[in-house]
Amino acid sequence: MSNTYTGNFVEHLQNFVGETVTIYCTCGGQSGCGFTGVILFVNPCYCRLVTSIGPAPGCALGSSCGRPGGSNAPLAGRGGSWPGCVGSACDIPIDKIACFVHNTV
Protein backbone atom coordinates (compact mmCIF):
# COMPACT_ATOMS: atom_id res chain seq x y z
CA MET A 1 0.00 0.00 0.00
CA SER A 2 1.28 3.46 -0.75
CA ASN A 3 1.60 5.98 2.07
CA THR A 4 -0.96 8.31 0.45
CA TYR A 5 -3.60 5.59 0.37
CA THR A 6 -2.77 4.41 3.88
CA GLY A 7 -3.00 7.98 5.20
CA ASN A 8 -6.43 8.52 3.67
CA PHE A 9 -7.66 5.16 4.92
CA VAL A 10 -6.36 5.83 8.44
CA GLU A 11 -8.14 9.20 8.42
CA HIS A 12 -11.31 7.45 7.23
CA LEU A 13 -11.06 4.92 10.09
CA GLN A 14 -10.49 7.75 12.59
CA ASN A 15 -13.85 9.23 11.59
CA PHE A 16 -15.49 6.16 13.14
CA VAL A 17 -13.81 6.19 16.58
CA GLY A 18 -16.54 5.36 19.09
CA GLU A 19 -18.72 3.64 16.46
CA THR A 20 -19.50 -0.06 16.05
CA VAL A 21 -17.92 -1.50 12.90
CA THR A 22 -16.85 -4.83 11.40
CA ILE A 23 -13.35 -5.30 9.99
CA TYR A 24 -12.37 -8.27 7.83
CA CYS A 25 -8.70 -9.19 7.50
CA THR A 26 -6.53 -10.92 4.92
CA CYS A 27 -5.50 -13.50 7.55
CA GLY A 28 -6.82 -17.04 7.81
CA GLY A 29 -8.51 -18.92 10.62
CA GLN A 30 -11.07 -17.23 12.86
CA SER A 31 -9.96 -13.76 11.73
CA GLY A 32 -11.53 -14.47 8.34
CA CYS A 33 -14.93 -14.17 10.03
CA GLY A 34 -14.21 -10.53 10.82
CA PHE A 35 -14.05 -8.57 14.04
CA THR A 36 -17.03 -6.56 15.22
CA GLY A 37 -16.59 -3.97 17.93
CA VAL A 38 -16.25 -0.31 18.80
CA ILE A 39 -13.20 1.50 17.40
CA LEU A 40 -11.19 2.73 20.35
CA PHE A 41 -8.02 3.98 18.67
CA VAL A 42 -6.49 4.28 15.19
CA ASN A 43 -2.92 5.09 14.17
CA PRO A 44 -0.96 4.46 10.93
CA CYS A 45 0.05 0.98 12.16
CA TYR A 46 -3.07 -0.55 13.71
CA CYS A 47 -6.70 -0.11 14.70
CA ARG A 48 -7.89 -1.17 18.18
CA LEU A 49 -11.42 -2.52 18.60
CA VAL A 50 -13.19 -3.22 21.88
CA THR A 51 -14.94 -6.48 21.03
CA SER A 52 -16.44 -7.28 24.46
CA ILE A 53 -17.04 -5.05 27.47
CA GLY A 54 -16.58 -6.56 30.92
CA PRO A 55 -19.01 -6.11 33.81
CA ALA A 56 -19.00 -3.06 36.03
CA PRO A 57 -17.59 -3.48 39.56
CA GLY A 58 -20.16 -4.85 41.97
CA CYS A 59 -19.05 -2.82 45.00
CA ALA A 60 -16.59 -0.16 46.09
CA LEU A 61 -12.94 -1.03 46.64
CA GLY A 62 -12.26 -2.34 50.11
CA SER A 63 -15.92 -3.04 50.82
CA SER A 64 -17.02 -6.52 51.82
CA CYS A 65 -20.41 -5.96 50.12
CA GLY A 66 -22.17 -7.93 52.83
CA ARG A 67 -20.27 -11.17 52.21
CA PRO A 68 -20.13 -13.59 55.15
CA GLY A 69 -17.00 -13.11 57.24
CA GLY A 70 -16.23 -9.77 55.54
CA SER A 71 -14.35 -11.49 52.71
CA ASN A 72 -13.15 -9.22 49.89
CA ALA A 73 -12.95 -12.14 47.44
CA PRO A 74 -14.74 -11.52 44.12
CA LEU A 75 -18.22 -12.95 43.66
CA ALA A 76 -18.57 -14.91 40.41
CA GLY A 77 -21.79 -14.25 38.52
CA ARG A 78 -22.99 -11.55 40.94
CA GLY A 79 -21.59 -8.43 39.28
CA GLY A 80 -18.38 -8.49 41.33
CA SER A 81 -14.97 -8.04 39.78
CA TRP A 82 -14.14 -11.49 38.47
CA PRO A 83 -10.89 -12.21 36.58
CA GLY A 84 -12.65 -14.26 33.87
CA CYS A 85 -14.94 -11.38 32.82
CA VAL A 86 -12.66 -8.50 31.92
CA GLY A 87 -13.82 -7.88 28.34
CA SER A 88 -11.62 -8.05 25.25
CA ALA A 89 -10.01 -5.91 22.59
CA CYS A 90 -8.12 -6.66 19.41
CA ASP A 91 -5.43 -4.79 17.51
CA ILE A 92 -5.72 -5.13 13.73
CA PRO A 93 -2.75 -4.14 11.54
CA ILE A 94 -3.85 -1.52 8.99
CA ASP A 95 -2.05 -3.35 6.16
CA LYS A 96 -4.04 -6.56 6.89
CA ILE A 97 -7.50 -4.98 6.55
CA ALA A 98 -9.39 -6.41 3.56
CA CYS A 99 -12.80 -4.84 4.21
CA PHE A 100 -14.18 -2.18 6.55
CA VAL A 101 -17.95 -2.27 7.19
CA HIS A 102 -19.74 0.64 8.85
CA ASN A 103 -23.12 2.38 8.95
CA THR A 104 -23.72 5.17 6.46
CA VAL A 105 -25.73 7.36 8.82
PDB file of N, CA and C in Angstrom:
ATOM      1  N   MET A   1       0.831  -1.165   0.000  1.00  0.00           N
ATOM      2  CA  MET A   1       0.000   0.000   0.000  1.00  0.00           C
ATOM      3  C   MET A   1       0.887   1.243   0.000  1.00  0.00           C
ATOM      4  N   SER A   2       0.517   2.218  -0.760  1.00  0.00           N
ATOM      5  CA  SER A   2       1.285   3.456  -0.754  1.00  0.00           C
ATOM      6  C   SER A   2       0.933   4.265   0.478  1.00  0.00           C
ATOM      7  N   ASN A   3       1.837   5.157   0.879  1.00  0.00           N
ATOM      8  CA  ASN A   3       1.602   5.976   2.069  1.00  0.00           C
ATOM      9  C   ASN A   3       0.408   6.904   1.900  1.00  0.00           C
ATOM     10  N   THR A   4       0.166   7.413   0.687  1.00  0.00           N
ATOM     11  CA  THR A   4      -0.957   8.311   0.452  1.00  0.00           C
ATOM     12  C   THR A   4      -2.271   7.583   0.714  1.00  0.00           C
ATOM     13  N   TYR A   5      -2.387   6.370   0.159  1.00  0.00           N
ATOM     14  CA  TYR A   5      -3.604   5.590   0.365  1.00  0.00           C
ATOM     15  C   TYR A   5      -3.780   5.242   1.837  1.00  0.00           C
ATOM     16  N   THR A   6      -2.695   4.779   2.471  1.00  0.00           N
ATOM     17  CA  THR A   6      -2.768   4.407   3.880  1.00  0.00           C
ATOM     18  C   THR A   6      -3.197   5.599   4.720  1.00  0.00           C
ATOM     19  N   GLY A   7      -2.637   6.774   4.454  1.00  0.00           N
ATOM     20  CA  GLY A   7      -2.995   7.976   5.204  1.00  0.00           C
ATOM     21  C   GLY A   7      -4.467   8.301   5.077  1.00  0.00           C
ATOM     22  N   ASN A   8      -5.004   8.248   3.872  1.00  0.00           N
ATOM     23  CA  ASN A   8      -6.429   8.525   3.667  1.00  0.00           C
ATOM     24  C   ASN A   8      -7.296   7.482   4.353  1.00  0.00           C
ATOM     25  N   PHE A   9      -6.891   6.223   4.300  1.00  0.00           N
ATOM     26  CA  PHE A   9      -7.665   5.157   4.921  1.00  0.00           C
ATOM     27  C   PHE A   9      -7.634   5.296   6.445  1.00  0.00           C
ATOM     28  N   VAL A  10      -6.479   5.626   6.998  1.00  0.00           N
ATOM     29  CA  VAL A  10      -6.364   5.828   8.439  1.00  0.00           C
ATOM     30  C   VAL A  10      -7.261   6.985   8.873  1.00  0.00           C
ATOM     31  N   GLU A  11      -7.258   8.063   8.113  1.00  0.00           N
ATOM     32  CA  GLU A  11      -8.138   9.198   8.422  1.00  0.00           C
ATOM     33  C   GLU A  11      -9.607   8.778   8.353  1.00  0.00           C
ATOM     34  N   HIS A  12      -9.938   7.952   7.368  1.00  0.00           N
ATOM     35  CA  HIS A  12     -11.308   7.448   7.233  1.00  0.00           C
ATOM     36  C   HIS A  12     -11.690   6.628   8.466  1.00  0.00           C
ATOM     37  N   LEU A  13     -10.802   5.724   8.899  1.00  0.00           N
ATOM     38  CA  LEU A  13     -11.062   4.917  10.095  1.00  0.00           C
ATOM     39  C   LEU A  13     -11.230   5.809  11.323  1.00  0.00           C
ATOM     40  N   GLN A  14     -10.423   6.857  11.437  1.00  0.00           N
ATOM     41  CA  GLN A  14     -10.491   7.748  12.592  1.00  0.00           C
ATOM     42  C   GLN A  14     -11.841   8.452  12.696  1.00  0.00           C
ATOM     43  N   ASN A  15     -12.515   8.622  11.567  1.00  0.00           N
ATOM     44  CA  ASN A  15     -13.850   9.233  11.590  1.00  0.00           C
ATOM     45  C   ASN A  15     -14.871   8.364  12.314  1.00  0.00           C
ATOM     46  N   PHE A  16     -14.556   7.099  12.529  1.00  0.00           N
ATOM     47  CA  PHE A  16     -15.494   6.160  13.142  1.00  0.00           C
ATOM     48  C   PHE A  16     -15.101   5.758  14.558  1.00  0.00           C
ATOM     49  N   VAL A  17     -14.157   6.474  15.186  1.00  0.00           N
ATOM     50  CA  VAL A  17     -13.805   6.188  16.579  1.00  0.00           C
ATOM     51  C   VAL A  17     -15.063   6.355  17.425  1.00  0.00           C
ATOM     52  N   GLY A  18     -15.347   5.353  18.255  1.00  0.00           N
ATOM     53  CA  GLY A  18     -16.541   5.360  19.090  1.00  0.00           C
ATOM     54  C   GLY A  18     -17.747   4.708  18.444  1.00  0.00           C
ATOM     55  N   GLU A  19     -17.614   4.285  17.191  1.00  0.00           N
ATOM     56  CA  GLU A  19     -18.719   3.639  16.464  1.00  0.00           C
ATOM     57  C   GLU A  19     -18.492   2.129  16.376  1.00  0.00           C
ATOM     58  N   THR A  20     -19.581   1.388  16.241  1.00  0.00           N
ATOM     59  CA  THR A  20     -19.500  -0.058  16.045  1.00  0.00           C
ATOM     60  C   THR A  20     -19.296  -0.352  14.571  1.00  0.00           C
ATOM     61  N   VAL A  21     -18.275  -1.153  14.272  1.00  0.00           N
ATOM     62  CA  VAL A  21     -17.918  -1.505  12.898  1.00  0.00           C
ATOM     63  C   VAL A  21     -17.557  -2.986  12.832  1.00  0.00           C
ATOM     64  N   THR A  22     -17.404  -3.496  11.614  1.00  0.00           N
ATOM     65  CA  THR A  22     -16.854  -4.833  11.398  1.00  0.00           C
ATOM     66  C   THR A  22     -15.670  -4.697  10.457  1.00  0.00           C
ATOM     67  N   ILE A  23     -14.564  -5.342  10.814  1.00  0.00           N
ATOM     68  CA  ILE A  23     -13.351  -5.302   9.991  1.00  0.00           C
ATOM     69  C   ILE A  23     -12.969  -6.730   9.632  1.00  0.00           C
ATOM     70  N   TYR A  24     -12.824  -6.977   8.335  1.00  0.00           N
ATOM     71  CA  TYR A  24     -12.365  -8.272   7.829  1.00  0.00           C
ATOM     72  C   TYR A  24     -10.896  -8.149   7.470  1.00  0.00           C
ATOM     73  N   CYS A  25     -10.151  -9.205   7.727  1.00  0.00           N
ATOM     74  CA  CYS A  25      -8.703  -9.189   7.504  1.00  0.00           C
ATOM     75  C   CYS A  25      -8.295 -10.180   6.417  1.00  0.00           C
ATOM     76  N   THR A  26      -7.072 -10.017   5.942  1.00  0.00           N
ATOM     77  CA  THR A  26      -6.526 -10.919   4.925  1.00  0.00           C
ATOM     78  C   THR A  26      -5.893 -12.157   5.552  1.00  0.00           C
ATOM     79  N   CYS A  27      -6.064 -12.359   6.842  1.00  0.00           N
ATOM     80  CA  CYS A  27      -5.500 -13.501   7.555  1.00  0.00           C
ATOM     81  C   CYS A  27      -6.452 -14.696   7.443  1.00  0.00           C
ATOM     82  N   GLY A  28      -5.975 -15.848   7.829  1.00  0.00           N
ATOM     83  CA  GLY A  28      -6.821 -17.038   7.809  1.00  0.00           C
ATOM     84  C   GLY A  28      -7.406 -17.322   9.181  1.00  0.00           C
ATOM     85  N   GLY A  29      -7.963 -18.496   9.338  1.00  0.00           N
ATOM     86  CA  GLY A  29      -8.514 -18.915  10.621  1.00  0.00           C
ATOM     87  C   GLY A  29      -9.734 -18.110  11.020  1.00  0.00           C
ATOM     88  N   GLN A  30      -9.914 -17.931  12.321  1.00  0.00           N
ATOM     89  CA  GLN A  30     -11.073 -17.225  12.862  1.00  0.00           C
ATOM     90  C   GLN A  30     -11.116 -15.763  12.432  1.00  0.00           C
ATOM     91  N   SER A  31      -9.968 -15.172  12.123  1.00  0.00           N
ATOM     92  CA  SER A  31      -9.956 -13.759  11.733  1.00  0.00           C
ATOM     93  C   SER A  31     -10.654 -13.537  10.398  1.00  0.00           C
ATOM     94  N   GLY A  32     -10.809 -14.593   9.600  1.00  0.00           N
ATOM     95  CA  GLY A  32     -11.528 -14.474   8.342  1.00  0.00           C
ATOM     96  C   GLY A  32     -13.010 -14.195   8.525  1.00  0.00           C
ATOM     97  N   CYS A  33     -13.531 -14.445   9.721  1.00  0.00           N
ATOM     98  CA  CYS A  33     -14.934 -14.169  10.026  1.00  0.00           C
ATOM     99  C   CYS A  33     -15.169 -12.700  10.353  1.00  0.00           C
ATOM    100  N   GLY A  34     -14.107 -11.955  10.516  1.00  0.00           N
ATOM    101  CA  GLY A  34     -14.209 -10.535  10.821  1.00  0.00           C
ATOM    102  C   GLY A  34     -14.264 -10.265  12.309  1.00  0.00           C
ATOM    103  N   PHE A  35     -14.008  -9.022  12.651  1.00  0.00           N
ATOM    104  CA  PHE A  35     -14.047  -8.568  14.035  1.00  0.00           C
ATOM    105  C   PHE A  35     -15.068  -7.452  14.129  1.00  0.00           C
ATOM    106  N   THR A  36     -16.032  -7.597  15.011  1.00  0.00           N
ATOM    107  CA  THR A  36     -17.033  -6.559  15.219  1.00  0.00           C
ATOM    108  C   THR A  36     -16.819  -5.968  16.597  1.00  0.00           C
ATOM    109  N   GLY A  37     -16.782  -4.645  16.656  1.00  0.00           N
ATOM    110  CA  GLY A  37     -16.593  -3.966  17.926  1.00  0.00           C
ATOM    111  C   GLY A  37     -16.594  -2.462  17.733  1.00  0.00           C
ATOM    112  N   VAL A  38     -16.306  -1.764  18.806  1.00  0.00           N
ATOM    113  CA  VAL A  38     -16.248  -0.312  18.802  1.00  0.00           C
ATOM    114  C   VAL A  38     -14.804   0.118  18.602  1.00  0.00           C
ATOM    115  N   ILE A  39     -14.567   1.006  17.625  1.00  0.00           N
ATOM    116  CA  ILE A  39     -13.203   1.495  17.399  1.00  0.00           C
ATOM    117  C   ILE A  39     -12.800   2.371  18.571  1.00  0.00           C
ATOM    118  N   LEU A  40     -11.699   1.997  19.200  1.00  0.00           N
ATOM    119  CA  LEU A  40     -11.192   2.727  20.350  1.00  0.00           C
ATOM    120  C   LEU A  40     -10.072   3.678  19.957  1.00  0.00           C
ATOM    121  N   PHE A  41      -9.226   3.236  19.001  1.00  0.00           N
ATOM    122  CA  PHE A  41      -8.018   3.980  18.671  1.00  0.00           C
ATOM    123  C   PHE A  41      -7.553   3.588  17.276  1.00  0.00           C
ATOM    124  N   VAL A  42      -7.040   4.547  16.525  1.00  0.00           N
ATOM    125  CA  VAL A  42      -6.488   4.277  15.194  1.00  0.00           C
ATOM    126  C   VAL A  42      -5.187   5.059  15.047  1.00  0.00           C
ATOM    127  N   ASN A  43      -4.151   4.397  14.553  1.00  0.00           N
ATOM    128  CA  ASN A  43      -2.921   5.086  14.167  1.00  0.00           C
ATOM    129  C   ASN A  43      -2.457   4.501  12.836  1.00  0.00           C
ATOM    130  N   PRO A  44      -1.380   4.983  12.237  1.00  0.00           N
ATOM    131  CA  PRO A  44      -0.962   4.463  10.927  1.00  0.00           C
ATOM    132  C   PRO A  44      -0.577   2.981  10.919  1.00  0.00           C
ATOM    133  N   CYS A  45      -0.359   2.387  12.093  1.00  0.00           N
ATOM    134  CA  CYS A  45       0.049   0.979  12.161  1.00  0.00           C
ATOM    135  C   CYS A  45      -1.097   0.009  12.438  1.00  0.00           C
ATOM    136  N   TYR A  46      -1.998   0.380  13.337  1.00  0.00           N
ATOM    137  CA  TYR A  46      -3.071  -0.551  13.708  1.00  0.00           C
ATOM    138  C   TYR A  46      -4.327   0.186  14.156  1.00  0.00           C
ATOM    139  N   CYS A  47      -5.408  -0.594  14.229  1.00  0.00           N
ATOM    140  CA  CYS A  47      -6.703  -0.114  14.701  1.00  0.00           C
ATOM    141  C   CYS A  47      -7.086  -0.997  15.889  1.00  0.00           C
ATOM    142  N   ARG A  48      -7.485  -0.402  16.998  1.00  0.00           N
ATOM    143  CA  ARG A  48      -7.886  -1.170  18.183  1.00  0.00           C
ATOM    144  C   ARG A  48      -9.405  -1.148  18.308  1.00  0.00           C
ATOM    145  N   LEU A  49      -9.977  -2.358  18.406  1.00  0.00           N
ATOM    146  CA  LEU A  49     -11.421  -2.525  18.601  1.00  0.00           C
ATOM    147  C   LEU A  49     -11.683  -3.102  19.979  1.00  0.00           C
ATOM    148  N   VAL A  50     -12.689  -2.588  20.667  1.00  0.00           N
ATOM    149  CA  VAL A  50     -13.186  -3.221  21.882  1.00  0.00           C
ATOM    150  C   VAL A  50     -14.267  -4.181  21.404  1.00  0.00           C
ATOM    151  N   THR A  51     -14.023  -5.478  21.560  1.00  0.00           N
ATOM    152  CA  THR A  51     -14.942  -6.480  21.034  1.00  0.00           C
ATOM    153  C   THR A  51     -15.886  -7.036  22.093  1.00  0.00           C
ATOM    154  N   SER A  52     -15.582  -6.821  23.373  1.00  0.00           N
ATOM    155  CA  SER A  52     -16.439  -7.278  24.459  1.00  0.00           C
ATOM    156  C   SER A  52     -16.152  -6.410  25.674  1.00  0.00           C
ATOM    157  N   ILE A  53     -17.206  -5.903  26.300  1.00  0.00           N
ATOM    158  CA  ILE A  53     -17.036  -5.049  27.468  1.00  0.00           C
ATOM    159  C   ILE A  53     -17.324  -5.874  28.714  1.00  0.00           C
ATOM    160  N   GLY A  54     -16.423  -5.816  29.687  1.00  0.00           N
ATOM    161  CA  GLY A  54     -16.584  -6.561  30.924  1.00  0.00           C
ATOM    162  C   GLY A  54     -17.619  -5.915  31.827  1.00  0.00           C
ATOM    163  N   PRO A  55     -17.997  -6.625  32.893  1.00  0.00           N
ATOM    164  CA  PRO A  55     -19.009  -6.107  33.805  1.00  0.00           C
ATOM    165  C   PRO A  55     -18.470  -4.960  34.658  1.00  0.00           C
ATOM    166  N   ALA A  56     -19.371  -4.130  35.114  1.00  0.00           N
ATOM    167  CA  ALA A  56     -18.999  -3.057  36.033  1.00  0.00           C
ATOM    168  C   ALA A  56     -18.682  -3.655  37.400  1.00  0.00           C
ATOM    169  N   PRO A  57     -17.864  -2.980  38.198  1.00  0.00           N
ATOM    170  CA  PRO A  57     -17.586  -3.485  39.555  1.00  0.00           C
ATOM    171  C   PRO A  57     -18.877  -3.598  40.361  1.00  0.00           C
ATOM    172  N   GLY A  58     -18.957  -4.624  41.187  1.00  0.00           N
ATOM    173  CA  GLY A  58     -20.162  -4.854  41.967  1.00  0.00           C
ATOM    174  C   GLY A  58     -20.216  -4.063  43.258  1.00  0.00           C
ATOM    175  N   CYS A  59     -19.058  -3.588  43.751  1.00  0.00           N
ATOM    176  CA  CYS A  59     -19.050  -2.824  44.998  1.00  0.00           C
ATOM    177  C   CYS A  59     -17.779  -1.972  45.032  1.00  0.00           C
ATOM    178  N   ALA A  60     -17.743  -1.052  45.973  1.00  0.00           N
ATOM    179  CA  ALA A  60     -16.588  -0.163  46.091  1.00  0.00           C
ATOM    180  C   ALA A  60     -15.352  -0.927  46.546  1.00  0.00           C
ATOM    181  N   LEU A  61     -14.185  -0.407  46.201  1.00  0.00           N
ATOM    182  CA  LEU A  61     -12.936  -1.031  46.638  1.00  0.00           C
ATOM    183  C   LEU A  61     -12.867  -1.084  48.157  1.00  0.00           C
ATOM    184  N   GLY A  62     -12.428  -2.204  48.676  1.00  0.00           N
ATOM    185  CA  GLY A  62     -12.260  -2.344  50.109  1.00  0.00           C
ATOM    186  C   GLY A  62     -13.539  -2.678  50.861  1.00  0.00           C
ATOM    187  N   SER A  63     -14.650  -2.725  50.171  1.00  0.00           N
ATOM    188  CA  SER A  63     -15.922  -3.039  50.815  1.00  0.00           C
ATOM    189  C   SER A  63     -16.153  -4.540  50.753  1.00  0.00           C
ATOM    190  N   SER A  64     -16.727  -5.081  51.818  1.00  0.00           N
ATOM    191  CA  SER A  64     -17.015  -6.518  51.821  1.00  0.00           C
ATOM    192  C   SER A  64     -18.325  -6.820  51.127  1.00  0.00           C
ATOM    193  N   CYS A  65     -19.134  -5.806  50.827  1.00  0.00           N
ATOM    194  CA  CYS A  65     -20.411  -5.957  50.121  1.00  0.00           C
ATOM    195  C   CYS A  65     -21.336  -6.956  50.795  1.00  0.00           C
ATOM    196  N   GLY A  66     -21.254  -7.065  52.085  1.00  0.00           N
ATOM    197  CA  GLY A  66     -22.167  -7.933  52.827  1.00  0.00           C
ATOM    198  C   GLY A  66     -21.849  -9.404  52.716  1.00  0.00           C
ATOM    199  N   ARG A  67     -20.639  -9.755  52.299  1.00  0.00           N
ATOM    200  CA  ARG A  67     -20.274 -11.171  52.212  1.00  0.00           C
ATOM    201  C   ARG A  67     -20.001 -11.729  53.603  1.00  0.00           C
ATOM    202  N   PRO A  68     -20.365 -12.972  53.838  1.00  0.00           N
ATOM    203  CA  PRO A  68     -20.131 -13.589  55.152  1.00  0.00           C
ATOM    204  C   PRO A  68     -18.652 -13.517  55.530  1.00  0.00           C
ATOM    205  N   GLY A  69     -18.374 -13.154  56.755  1.00  0.00           N
ATOM    206  CA  GLY A  69     -17.001 -13.109  57.236  1.00  0.00           C
ATOM    207  C   GLY A  69     -16.234 -11.893  56.747  1.00  0.00           C
ATOM    208  N   GLY A  70     -16.900 -10.981  56.021  1.00  0.00           N
ATOM    209  CA  GLY A  70     -16.229  -9.772  55.544  1.00  0.00           C
ATOM    210  C   GLY A  70     -15.194 -10.030  54.464  1.00  0.00           C
ATOM    211  N   SER A  71     -15.315 -11.144  53.754  1.00  0.00           N
ATOM    212  CA  SER A  71     -14.351 -11.488  52.710  1.00  0.00           C
ATOM    213  C   SER A  71     -14.391 -10.477  51.570  1.00  0.00           C
ATOM    214  N   ASN A  72     -13.230 -10.107  51.049  1.00  0.00           N
ATOM    215  CA  ASN A  72     -13.145  -9.220  49.887  1.00  0.00           C
ATOM    216  C   ASN A  72     -12.939  -9.999  48.596  1.00  0.00           C
ATOM    217  N   ALA A  73     -13.121 -11.318  48.641  1.00  0.00           N
ATOM    218  CA  ALA A  73     -12.951 -12.136  47.437  1.00  0.00           C
ATOM    219  C   ALA A  73     -14.051 -11.804  46.436  1.00  0.00           C
ATOM    220  N   PRO A  74     -13.720 -11.832  45.121  1.00  0.00           N
ATOM    221  CA  PRO A  74     -14.738 -11.525  44.119  1.00  0.00           C
ATOM    222  C   PRO A  74     -15.870 -12.547  44.098  1.00  0.00           C
ATOM    223  N   LEU A  75     -17.048 -12.076  43.755  1.00  0.00           N
ATOM    224  CA  LEU A  75     -18.217 -12.947  43.656  1.00  0.00           C
ATOM    225  C   LEU A  75     -18.486 -13.268  42.193  1.00  0.00           C
ATOM    226  N   ALA A  76     -18.321 -14.505  41.798  1.00  0.00           N
ATOM    227  CA  ALA A  76     -18.566 -14.905  40.412  1.00  0.00           C
ATOM    228  C   ALA A  76     -20.049 -14.851  40.109  1.00  0.00           C
ATOM    229  N   GLY A  77     -20.410 -14.260  38.968  1.00  0.00           N
ATOM    230  CA  GLY A  77     -21.790 -14.252  38.523  1.00  0.00           C
ATOM    231  C   GLY A  77     -22.696 -13.304  39.283  1.00  0.00           C
ATOM    232  N   ARG A  78     -22.167 -12.466  40.154  1.00  0.00           N
ATOM    233  CA  ARG A  78     -22.994 -11.547  40.936  1.00  0.00           C
ATOM    234  C   ARG A  78     -22.585 -10.089  40.702  1.00  0.00           C
ATOM    235  N   GLY A  79     -21.954  -9.802  39.584  1.00  0.00           N
ATOM    236  CA  GLY A  79     -21.588  -8.431  39.282  1.00  0.00           C
ATOM    237  C   GLY A  79     -20.307  -7.975  39.946  1.00  0.00           C
ATOM    238  N   GLY A  80     -19.650  -8.861  40.707  1.00  0.00           N
ATOM    239  CA  GLY A  80     -18.385  -8.493  41.330  1.00  0.00           C
ATOM    240  C   GLY A  80     -17.264  -8.524  40.305  1.00  0.00           C
ATOM    241  N   SER A  81     -16.120  -8.001  40.675  1.00  0.00           N
ATOM    242  CA  SER A  81     -14.967  -8.037  39.779  1.00  0.00           C
ATOM    243  C   SER A  81     -14.445  -9.461  39.740  1.00  0.00           C
ATOM    244  N   TRP A  82     -14.544 -10.101  38.605  1.00  0.00           N
ATOM    245  CA  TRP A  82     -14.137 -11.494  38.469  1.00  0.00           C
ATOM    246  C   TRP A  82     -13.125 -11.593  37.338  1.00  0.00           C
ATOM    247  N   PRO A  83     -11.953 -12.202  37.581  1.00  0.00           N
ATOM    248  CA  PRO A  83     -10.888 -12.215  36.580  1.00  0.00           C
ATOM    249  C   PRO A  83     -11.283 -12.781  35.218  1.00  0.00           C
ATOM    250  N   GLY A  84     -12.260 -13.670  35.139  1.00  0.00           N
ATOM    251  CA  GLY A  84     -12.646 -14.258  33.868  1.00  0.00           C
ATOM    252  C   GLY A  84     -13.544 -13.376  33.016  1.00  0.00           C
ATOM    253  N   CYS A  85     -13.975 -12.239  33.519  1.00  0.00           N
ATOM    254  CA  CYS A  85     -14.936 -11.385  32.819  1.00  0.00           C
ATOM    255  C   CYS A  85     -14.396  -9.969  32.672  1.00  0.00           C
ATOM    256  N   VAL A  86     -13.288  -9.818  31.999  1.00  0.00           N
ATOM    257  CA  VAL A  86     -12.664  -8.497  31.916  1.00  0.00           C
ATOM    258  C   VAL A  86     -12.877  -7.821  30.571  1.00  0.00           C
ATOM    259  N   GLY A  87     -13.620  -8.450  29.666  1.00  0.00           N
ATOM    260  CA  GLY A  87     -13.820  -7.876  28.341  1.00  0.00           C
ATOM    261  C   GLY A  87     -12.665  -8.249  27.426  1.00  0.00           C
ATOM    262  N   SER A  88     -12.707  -7.749  26.190  1.00  0.00           N
ATOM    263  CA  SER A  88     -11.623  -8.051  25.251  1.00  0.00           C
ATOM    264  C   SER A  88     -11.497  -6.939  24.217  1.00  0.00           C
ATOM    265  N   ALA A  89     -10.308  -6.864  23.654  1.00  0.00           N
ATOM    266  CA  ALA A  89     -10.005  -5.907  22.594  1.00  0.00           C
ATOM    267  C   ALA A  89      -9.092  -6.601  21.601  1.00  0.00           C
ATOM    268  N   CYS A  90      -9.051  -6.098  20.393  1.00  0.00           N
ATOM    269  CA  CYS A  90      -8.118  -6.657  19.413  1.00  0.00           C
ATOM    270  C   CYS A  90      -7.448  -5.518  18.650  1.00  0.00           C
ATOM    271  N   ASP A  91      -6.198  -5.735  18.310  1.00  0.00           N
ATOM    272  CA  ASP A  91      -5.429  -4.794  17.509  1.00  0.00           C
ATOM    273  C   ASP A  91      -5.283  -5.384  16.115  1.00  0.00           C
ATOM    274  N   ILE A  92      -5.743  -4.645  15.110  1.00  0.00           N
ATOM    275  CA  ILE A  92      -5.715  -5.126  13.729  1.00  0.00           C
ATOM    276  C   ILE A  92      -4.728  -4.278  12.941  1.00  0.00           C
ATOM    277  N   PRO A  93      -3.688  -4.908  12.364  1.00  0.00           N
ATOM    278  CA  PRO A  93      -2.747  -4.141  11.544  1.00  0.00           C
ATOM    279  C   PRO A  93      -3.470  -3.518  10.345  1.00  0.00           C
ATOM    280  N   ILE A  94      -3.206  -2.246  10.091  1.00  0.00           N
ATOM    281  CA  ILE A  94      -3.852  -1.523   8.990  1.00  0.00           C
ATOM    282  C   ILE A  94      -3.604  -2.231   7.660  1.00  0.00           C
ATOM    283  N   ASP A  95      -2.379  -2.733   7.457  1.00  0.00           N
ATOM    284  CA  ASP A  95      -2.051  -3.346   6.163  1.00  0.00           C
ATOM    285  C   ASP A  95      -2.646  -4.742   5.989  1.00  0.00           C
ATOM    286  N   LYS A  96      -3.371  -5.252   6.990  1.00  0.00           N
ATOM    287  CA  LYS A  96      -4.040  -6.561   6.887  1.00  0.00           C
ATOM    288  C   LYS A  96      -5.557  -6.430   6.742  1.00  0.00           C
ATOM    289  N   ILE A  97      -6.066  -5.194   6.675  1.00  0.00           N
ATOM    290  CA  ILE A  97      -7.502  -4.983   6.547  1.00  0.00           C
ATOM    291  C   ILE A  97      -7.926  -5.199   5.104  1.00  0.00           C
ATOM    292  N   ALA A  98      -8.882  -6.117   4.900  1.00  0.00           N
ATOM    293  CA  ALA A  98      -9.393  -6.410   3.561  1.00  0.00           C
ATOM    294  C   ALA A  98     -10.703  -5.662   3.307  1.00  0.00           C
ATOM    295  N   CYS A  99     -11.497  -5.475   4.360  1.00  0.00           N
ATOM    296  CA  CYS A  99     -12.804  -4.844   4.205  1.00  0.00           C
ATOM    297  C   CYS A  99     -13.190  -4.155   5.506  1.00  0.00           C
ATOM    298  N   PHE A 100     -13.754  -2.964   5.398  1.00  0.00           N
ATOM    299  CA  PHE A 100     -14.184  -2.180   6.548  1.00  0.00           C
ATOM    300  C   PHE A 100     -15.673  -1.891   6.363  1.00  0.00           C
ATOM    301  N   VAL A 101     -16.493  -2.405   7.287  1.00  0.00           N
ATOM    302  CA  VAL A 101     -17.947  -2.265   7.187  1.00  0.00           C
ATOM    303  C   VAL A 101     -18.443  -1.340   8.285  1.00  0.00           C
ATOM    304  N   HIS A 102     -19.236  -0.326   7.891  1.00  0.00           N
ATOM    305  CA  HIS A 102     -19.739   0.642   8.854  1.00  0.00           C
ATOM    306  C   HIS A 102     -21.114   1.130   8.396  1.00  0.00           C
ATOM    307  N   ASN A 103     -21.834   1.772   9.295  1.00  0.00           N
ATOM    308  CA  ASN A 103     -23.124   2.379   8.949  1.00  0.00           C
ATOM    309  C   ASN A 103     -22.896   3.629   8.121  1.00  0.00           C
ATOM    310  N   THR A 104     -23.848   3.972   7.296  1.00  0.00           N
ATOM    311  CA  THR A 104     -23.721   5.167   6.459  1.00  0.00           C
ATOM    312  C   THR A 104     -24.307   6.405   7.115  1.00  0.00           C
ATOM    313  N   VAL A 105     -25.086   6.221   8.157  1.00  0.00           N
ATOM    314  CA  VAL A 105     -25.735   7.363   8.824  1.00  0.00           C
ATOM    315  C   VAL A 105     -24.957   7.738  10.052  1.00  0.00           C
TER     316      VAL A 105
END
